[in-house]
Amino acid sequence: MYPSLKPDVSDEVRIALEAGRPVVALESTIISHGMPYPQNVETARRVEQTIREEGATPATIAVLGGRMKAGLSDEELEYLGKAGQAVTKASRRDLPVLLARGMDGATTVTTTMMIAYRAGIQVFATGGIGGVHRGAQTTMDISADLEELAHTPVMVVCAGAKSILDLGLTLEYLETKGVPVLGYGTQELPAFYTRRSGYSVDYRVDTPEDLAAIFRSQRALGLEGGMLVTNPVPERYSMDPDTINQAIDQAVEEARAQGIHGKAITPFLLARIKDLTGGDSLDSNIHLVLNNARLAAQVAKALAGNG
């Protein structure tokens, strides 16, 4: 018997979708691989609560026991947080194996988009997307997130591409794939921990209603792919560019020296950057995710006609 290709949708999320109420998808890799326990579970709960306070329903997504899940229980969040990196970091190529073998997986941006779309969820909030890694000219290390944005019609609200990446090449790749990159309240691409990168986005957008209208136009045109909304980290939690870039450069060099690559590199770099910044990067990470969840809920409400 083949595993079901339809996600298991929680009662809370199913009722909201059936009633046409706003729903926001959330990834689970940030829980298992992005932060240490217990901050990961505490942050997951705060993000879900933030979305509820904005009048939308959160749908944290994961693969548990070989089942795609849209909407997790508090016990499931706790399980993922405690299990940490023992849970497979699940990208597109991992899904067939996890489903067939009844395994668990924490979803990346890619797989969260895939499962959200199958569940009927249009808006997804995350921290930062993956992209073209530094040195990709020789390593060909390019995140599957970019290809998913090119093919799956979900709006992704993030704080830009992670600043461990080559941001210029990441923008070039998205342009080639026809993915609109919008800046919320800014014309400059935010760089995850910092508000500025020196690179420009395609368009500045200043209201959730305008974002919803642009997304509706994309869907009405029948254009393939999703949309990337970049939302700068709040000023109070934005890190000094020189400080964070120095930490990133050191972490990247350590990863290269240790031969770390592929899906292991981002968790390694985030952990090392946290240590090198004395925990400041983790604080910034938490607050940018909350900020993105808030905006995503507002856009979802506008799309549902409740804005």
Foldseek 3Di string as FASTA:
>chain_A
DAFDPAADEDPVRVVCVVVLHFEAEEFFLCQQQVDAPPVSLVLVVLLQVLLVVLPYGYFYWWAAQLGTYTRDDSVVSVVSNVCHPVAAADAPVCNRVCNVRRGIHTYALHVSLVNCVSNPHAEYEYEAHFAAAPPCVPVVAGDCNLVQQLAGAHEYEYQYHALRGDRVVRQVSNVVSVAAEEEAVDQARGHRLAGHDPHGGDYYDHALLVVLVVSVVCVVVVHGGYYYYHYHQPPVLRDDPVQLVVQSVVQVVVCVVVVHDDPRSVSSSSVSSCVSVVNSSVVSSSRRSSVRSNSRSRNSCSNSVND
